N, C-alpha and C. Protein backbone atom coordinates (compact mmCIF):
# COMPACT_ATOMS: atom_id res chain seq x y z
N MET A 1 129.28 86.61 115.62
CA MET A 1 128.12 86.99 114.84
C MET A 1 127.19 87.90 115.65
N ALA A 2 127.03 87.60 116.93
CA ALA A 2 126.18 88.43 117.78
C ALA A 2 126.74 89.84 117.90
N ALA A 3 128.07 89.96 117.92
CA ALA A 3 128.70 91.27 118.02
C ALA A 3 128.40 92.10 116.77
N LYS A 4 128.40 91.47 115.61
CA LYS A 4 128.12 92.19 114.37
C LYS A 4 126.67 92.69 114.37
N LYS A 5 125.74 91.84 114.81
CA LYS A 5 124.33 92.26 114.84
C LYS A 5 124.15 93.44 115.78
N LYS A 6 124.80 93.41 116.94
CA LYS A 6 124.72 94.52 117.89
C LYS A 6 125.31 95.79 117.27
N GLU A 7 126.42 95.63 116.54
CA GLU A 7 127.05 96.77 115.87
C GLU A 7 126.13 97.34 114.81
N ASP A 8 125.46 96.48 114.02
CA ASP A 8 124.52 96.93 112.99
C ASP A 8 123.37 97.70 113.63
N ASN A 9 122.84 97.19 114.75
CA ASN A 9 121.73 97.86 115.42
C ASN A 9 122.15 99.23 115.93
N GLN A 10 123.36 99.34 116.48
CA GLN A 10 123.83 100.63 116.97
C GLN A 10 124.00 101.61 115.82
N GLU A 11 124.49 101.13 114.68
CA GLU A 11 124.65 102.00 113.52
C GLU A 11 123.29 102.49 113.03
N GLU A 12 122.30 101.60 112.98
CA GLU A 12 120.97 101.99 112.54
C GLU A 12 120.34 102.98 113.50
N LYS A 13 120.57 102.83 114.81
CA LYS A 13 119.97 103.71 115.80
C LYS A 13 120.47 105.15 115.65
N LYS A 14 121.61 105.34 115.04
CA LYS A 14 122.15 106.67 114.84
C LYS A 14 121.42 107.39 113.70
N LEU A 15 120.72 106.63 112.86
CA LEU A 15 120.02 107.22 111.72
C LEU A 15 118.69 107.82 112.15
N THR A 16 118.32 108.89 111.48
CA THR A 16 116.95 109.37 111.62
C THR A 16 116.09 108.52 110.69
N VAL A 17 114.80 108.56 110.89
CA VAL A 17 113.90 107.82 110.02
C VAL A 17 114.03 108.33 108.59
N GLU A 18 114.19 109.63 108.44
CA GLU A 18 114.33 110.21 107.10
C GLU A 18 115.59 109.70 106.41
N GLU A 19 116.69 109.62 107.16
CA GLU A 19 117.94 109.11 106.59
C GLU A 19 117.80 107.64 106.20
N ALA A 20 117.10 106.88 107.03
CA ALA A 20 116.89 105.46 106.72
C ALA A 20 116.05 105.32 105.44
N PHE A 21 115.02 106.16 105.30
CA PHE A 21 114.21 106.10 104.08
C PHE A 21 115.03 106.48 102.84
N MET A 22 115.95 107.42 102.99
CA MET A 22 116.81 107.78 101.86
C MET A 22 117.70 106.60 101.48
N GLN A 23 118.22 105.88 102.48
CA GLN A 23 119.04 104.71 102.19
C GLN A 23 118.21 103.61 101.54
N ILE A 24 116.97 103.45 101.97
CA ILE A 24 116.08 102.47 101.35
C ILE A 24 115.85 102.82 99.89
N GLU A 25 115.63 104.08 99.62
CA GLU A 25 115.44 104.53 98.22
C GLU A 25 116.67 104.21 97.38
N SER A 26 117.84 104.41 97.95
CA SER A 26 119.08 104.10 97.26
C SER A 26 119.17 102.61 96.94
N LYS A 27 118.75 101.79 97.88
CA LYS A 27 118.79 100.34 97.69
C LYS A 27 117.79 99.92 96.61
N ILE A 28 116.63 100.56 96.58
CA ILE A 28 115.64 100.27 95.55
C ILE A 28 116.20 100.60 94.17
N GLN A 29 116.87 101.74 94.06
CA GLN A 29 117.48 102.12 92.79
C GLN A 29 118.55 101.12 92.36
N ALA A 30 119.33 100.64 93.32
CA ALA A 30 120.36 99.63 93.02
C ALA A 30 119.71 98.35 92.53
N LEU A 31 118.61 97.95 93.16
CA LEU A 31 117.92 96.73 92.76
C LEU A 31 117.28 96.87 91.38
N ASP A 32 116.90 98.08 91.01
CA ASP A 32 116.32 98.32 89.69
C ASP A 32 117.35 98.28 88.57
N SER A 33 118.62 98.35 88.93
CA SER A 33 119.69 98.37 87.93
C SER A 33 119.81 97.02 87.23
N ASP A 34 120.07 97.08 85.95
CA ASP A 34 120.31 95.86 85.18
C ASP A 34 121.71 95.31 85.43
N GLU A 35 122.57 96.11 86.01
CA GLU A 35 123.97 95.76 86.20
C GLU A 35 124.25 94.99 87.49
N ILE A 36 123.29 94.87 88.39
CA ILE A 36 123.53 94.29 89.70
C ILE A 36 123.53 92.75 89.62
N SER A 37 124.47 92.15 90.35
CA SER A 37 124.56 90.69 90.37
C SER A 37 123.52 90.13 91.34
N LEU A 38 123.29 88.85 91.24
CA LEU A 38 122.34 88.20 92.14
C LEU A 38 122.78 88.33 93.59
N GLU A 39 124.07 88.13 93.85
CA GLU A 39 124.59 88.23 95.20
C GLU A 39 124.43 89.64 95.76
N ASP A 40 124.75 90.62 94.93
CA ASP A 40 124.62 92.01 95.37
C ASP A 40 123.15 92.40 95.58
N SER A 41 122.28 91.89 94.72
CA SER A 41 120.86 92.22 94.88
C SER A 41 120.33 91.62 96.17
N PHE A 42 120.78 90.42 96.53
CA PHE A 42 120.36 89.81 97.78
C PHE A 42 120.86 90.63 98.97
N LYS A 43 122.10 91.09 98.88
CA LYS A 43 122.68 91.91 99.96
C LYS A 43 121.90 93.22 100.11
N GLU A 44 121.60 93.88 99.00
CA GLU A 44 120.84 95.13 99.04
C GLU A 44 119.44 94.90 99.62
N TYR A 45 118.84 93.77 99.23
CA TYR A 45 117.51 93.44 99.72
C TYR A 45 117.54 93.24 101.24
N GLN A 46 118.52 92.47 101.73
CA GLN A 46 118.64 92.23 103.17
C GLN A 46 118.83 93.53 103.94
N GLU A 47 119.73 94.37 103.46
CA GLU A 47 119.99 95.65 104.14
C GLU A 47 118.75 96.54 104.11
N GLY A 48 118.03 96.52 103.01
CA GLY A 48 116.80 97.30 102.90
C GLY A 48 115.74 96.82 103.88
N MET A 49 115.63 95.51 104.05
CA MET A 49 114.66 94.97 105.00
C MET A 49 115.02 95.34 106.43
N LYS A 50 116.32 95.36 106.75
CA LYS A 50 116.75 95.78 108.09
C LYS A 50 116.39 97.24 108.32
N LEU A 51 116.58 98.06 107.30
CA LEU A 51 116.24 99.48 107.42
C LEU A 51 114.73 99.68 107.58
N LEU A 52 113.94 98.90 106.83
CA LEU A 52 112.49 98.99 106.97
C LEU A 52 112.05 98.58 108.37
N LYS A 53 112.67 97.55 108.92
CA LYS A 53 112.34 97.12 110.28
C LYS A 53 112.68 98.23 111.27
N TYR A 54 113.85 98.85 111.09
CA TYR A 54 114.25 99.96 111.95
C TYR A 54 113.22 101.09 111.88
N CYS A 55 112.80 101.44 110.68
CA CYS A 55 111.82 102.53 110.51
C CYS A 55 110.50 102.17 111.19
N HIS A 56 110.06 100.95 110.99
CA HIS A 56 108.82 100.50 111.61
C HIS A 56 108.90 100.60 113.12
N GLU A 57 110.00 100.15 113.70
CA GLU A 57 110.16 100.20 115.15
C GLU A 57 110.23 101.64 115.66
N ALA A 58 110.90 102.50 114.92
CA ALA A 58 111.01 103.90 115.33
C ALA A 58 109.64 104.58 115.30
N ILE A 59 108.86 104.30 114.27
CA ILE A 59 107.52 104.90 114.16
C ILE A 59 106.61 104.35 115.24
N GLU A 60 106.70 103.05 115.51
CA GLU A 60 105.91 102.45 116.60
C GLU A 60 106.24 103.10 117.94
N GLU A 61 107.52 103.37 118.18
CA GLU A 61 107.94 103.99 119.43
C GLU A 61 107.32 105.38 119.59
N VAL A 62 107.30 106.14 118.51
CA VAL A 62 106.70 107.48 118.56
C VAL A 62 105.20 107.37 118.81
N GLU A 63 104.55 106.42 118.15
CA GLU A 63 103.11 106.24 118.35
C GLU A 63 102.81 105.89 119.81
N GLN A 64 103.64 105.04 120.41
CA GLN A 64 103.43 104.67 121.81
C GLN A 64 103.60 105.88 122.73
N LYS A 65 104.57 106.72 122.42
CA LYS A 65 104.77 107.92 123.23
C LYS A 65 103.57 108.85 123.13
N VAL A 66 103.03 109.00 121.93
CA VAL A 66 101.87 109.86 121.74
C VAL A 66 100.67 109.29 122.48
N GLN A 67 100.50 107.97 122.42
CA GLN A 67 99.39 107.35 123.14
C GLN A 67 99.54 107.52 124.65
N LYS A 68 100.76 107.45 125.15
CA LYS A 68 100.99 107.65 126.58
C LYS A 68 100.63 109.07 126.99
N ILE A 69 101.00 110.01 126.17
CA ILE A 69 100.63 111.40 126.44
C ILE A 69 99.11 111.53 126.46
N ALA A 70 98.44 110.84 125.53
CA ALA A 70 96.99 110.90 125.44
C ALA A 70 96.35 110.36 126.72
N GLU A 71 96.94 109.35 127.33
CA GLU A 71 96.41 108.79 128.57
C GLU A 71 96.45 109.81 129.70
N ASP A 72 97.39 110.74 129.63
CA ASP A 72 97.49 111.80 130.63
C ASP A 72 96.41 112.85 130.44
N GLY A 73 95.71 112.78 129.31
CA GLY A 73 94.63 113.71 129.06
C GLY A 73 95.05 114.96 128.30
N SER A 74 96.33 115.05 127.95
CA SER A 74 96.77 116.27 127.30
C SER A 74 96.59 116.24 125.77
N LEU A 75 96.49 115.05 125.21
CA LEU A 75 96.28 114.93 123.77
C LEU A 75 95.32 113.77 123.50
N GLU A 76 94.70 113.79 122.33
CA GLU A 76 93.85 112.66 121.93
C GLU A 76 94.75 111.54 121.42
N GLU A 77 94.19 110.33 121.39
CA GLU A 77 94.96 109.17 120.93
C GLU A 77 95.38 109.33 119.48
N PHE A 78 96.61 108.97 119.21
CA PHE A 78 97.18 109.03 117.87
C PHE A 78 96.73 107.83 117.07
N GLU A 79 96.22 108.04 115.87
CA GLU A 79 95.80 106.91 115.03
C GLU A 79 96.53 106.91 113.73
């Protein structure tokens, strides 16, 4: 199970934030469908939450980099 989680994280890391948001949009559309089963909707929801977490972490990382640059005096703090 740990190997699968590591594999999932590596796959997500290959995505850009924009690609992850596109996949999230796709999952939202699938969840809006009247044709989706309960099991499939749960799977789509879980995958969407993983993608949202990935996006949040990626954005946080960029914010930290900008703040570090700001500490050097070259840019103002990112808000």
